[in-house]
Amino acid sequence: MTKNEDYLAHMQAKRTMLPEFFRECAIPFCYLGAIGAYNTSGANLYSDYCHLTPAGSELVADRMHTVLYPRIKATLTAHTIN
């Protein structure tokens, strides 16, 4: 196995572990490597093989907001002193 193949296998193993790790920690997991599935506008999401365009960044921000906002709001509400 080449060094590059070893690295790719290592990264794939990590990606495979993350959803279960997040689930065990009760943290929502959203695999952003598949953001194209949420692209309904047809816009280019990447400027190259890994860097997002502004449209791609907006899509990632929207996905993160959907996952994070309810958790942040619940935490802040739980800690609000009346």
Protein backbone atom coordinates (compact mmCIF):
# COMPACT_ATOMS: atom_id res chain seq x y z
CA MET A 1 0.00 0.00 0.00
CA THR A 2 1.39 3.40 -0.95
CA LYS A 3 1.62 6.27 1.51
CA ASN A 4 -1.30 8.00 -0.25
CA GLU A 5 -3.43 4.83 -0.18
CA ASP A 6 -2.62 4.39 3.51
CA TYR A 7 -3.67 7.99 4.22
CA LEU A 8 -6.92 7.57 2.28
CA ALA A 9 -7.71 4.34 4.13
CA HIS A 10 -7.00 6.08 7.45
CA MET A 11 -9.31 9.00 6.56
CA GLN A 12 -12.07 6.63 5.41
CA ALA A 13 -11.83 4.75 8.70
CA LYS A 14 -12.21 8.05 10.60
CA ARG A 15 -15.23 9.08 8.49
CA THR A 16 -16.79 5.70 9.20
CA MET A 17 -16.30 6.15 12.97
CA LEU A 18 -17.61 9.72 13.27
CA PRO A 19 -21.37 9.14 12.97
CA GLU A 20 -21.34 6.53 15.75
CA PHE A 21 -19.09 8.68 17.95
CA PHE A 22 -21.39 11.67 17.53
CA ARG A 23 -24.45 9.48 18.24
CA GLU A 24 -22.87 8.16 21.46
CA CYS A 25 -22.20 11.76 22.56
CA ALA A 26 -25.74 12.86 21.60
CA ILE A 27 -24.33 15.31 19.06
CA PRO A 28 -26.09 15.70 15.71
CA PHE A 29 -23.91 14.59 12.81
CA CYS A 30 -24.15 16.10 9.36
CA TYR A 31 -21.70 14.80 6.79
CA LEU A 32 -20.81 17.90 4.81
CA GLY A 33 -18.93 15.91 2.20
CA ALA A 34 -22.33 15.22 0.65
CA ILE A 35 -23.63 18.81 0.56
CA GLY A 36 -24.43 18.41 -3.11
CA ALA A 37 -27.51 16.44 -2.09
CA TYR A 38 -28.92 19.66 -0.59
CA ASN A 39 -28.13 21.80 -3.64
CA THR A 40 -31.46 22.55 -5.27
CA SER A 41 -30.25 25.67 -7.12
CA GLY A 42 -27.79 23.95 -9.42
CA ALA A 43 -25.06 26.41 -8.35
CA ASN A 44 -21.40 25.39 -8.38
CA LEU A 45 -20.53 24.48 -4.81
CA TYR A 46 -16.79 23.98 -5.20
CA SER A 47 -14.12 26.14 -6.82
CA ASP A 48 -11.82 23.10 -7.03
CA TYR A 49 -11.69 19.62 -5.52
CA CYS A 50 -12.21 20.82 -1.92
CA HIS A 51 -12.71 24.60 -1.61
CA LEU A 52 -16.24 25.94 -1.43
CA THR A 53 -17.64 28.74 -3.53
CA PRO A 54 -19.78 31.37 -1.77
CA ALA A 55 -22.85 29.29 -2.73
CA GLY A 56 -21.23 26.20 -1.20
CA SER A 57 -20.36 28.09 1.97
CA GLU A 58 -23.94 29.34 2.23
CA LEU A 59 -25.26 25.80 1.87
CA VAL A 60 -22.91 24.53 4.59
CA ALA A 61 -23.94 27.43 6.86
CA ASP A 62 -27.61 26.60 6.28
CA ARG A 63 -27.01 22.93 7.18
CA MET A 64 -25.02 23.88 10.28
CA HIS A 65 -27.72 26.35 11.34
CA THR A 66 -30.40 23.67 11.03
CA VAL A 67 -28.40 21.36 13.31
CA LEU A 68 -26.91 23.87 15.76
CA TYR A 69 -29.53 26.58 16.28
CA PRO A 70 -32.08 24.41 18.15
CA ARG A 71 -29.34 23.08 20.44
CA ILE A 72 -27.92 26.53 21.17
CA LYS A 73 -31.39 27.97 21.76
CA ALA A 74 -32.30 25.12 24.15
CA THR A 75 -29.05 25.53 26.07
CA LEU A 76 -29.48 29.30 26.39
CA THR A 77 -33.12 28.94 27.39
CA ALA A 78 -32.21 26.36 30.04
CA HIS A 79 -29.61 28.71 31.51
CA THR A 80 -31.63 31.93 31.41
CA ILE A 81 -32.20 33.40 34.84
CA ASN A 82 -35.61 34.96 35.25
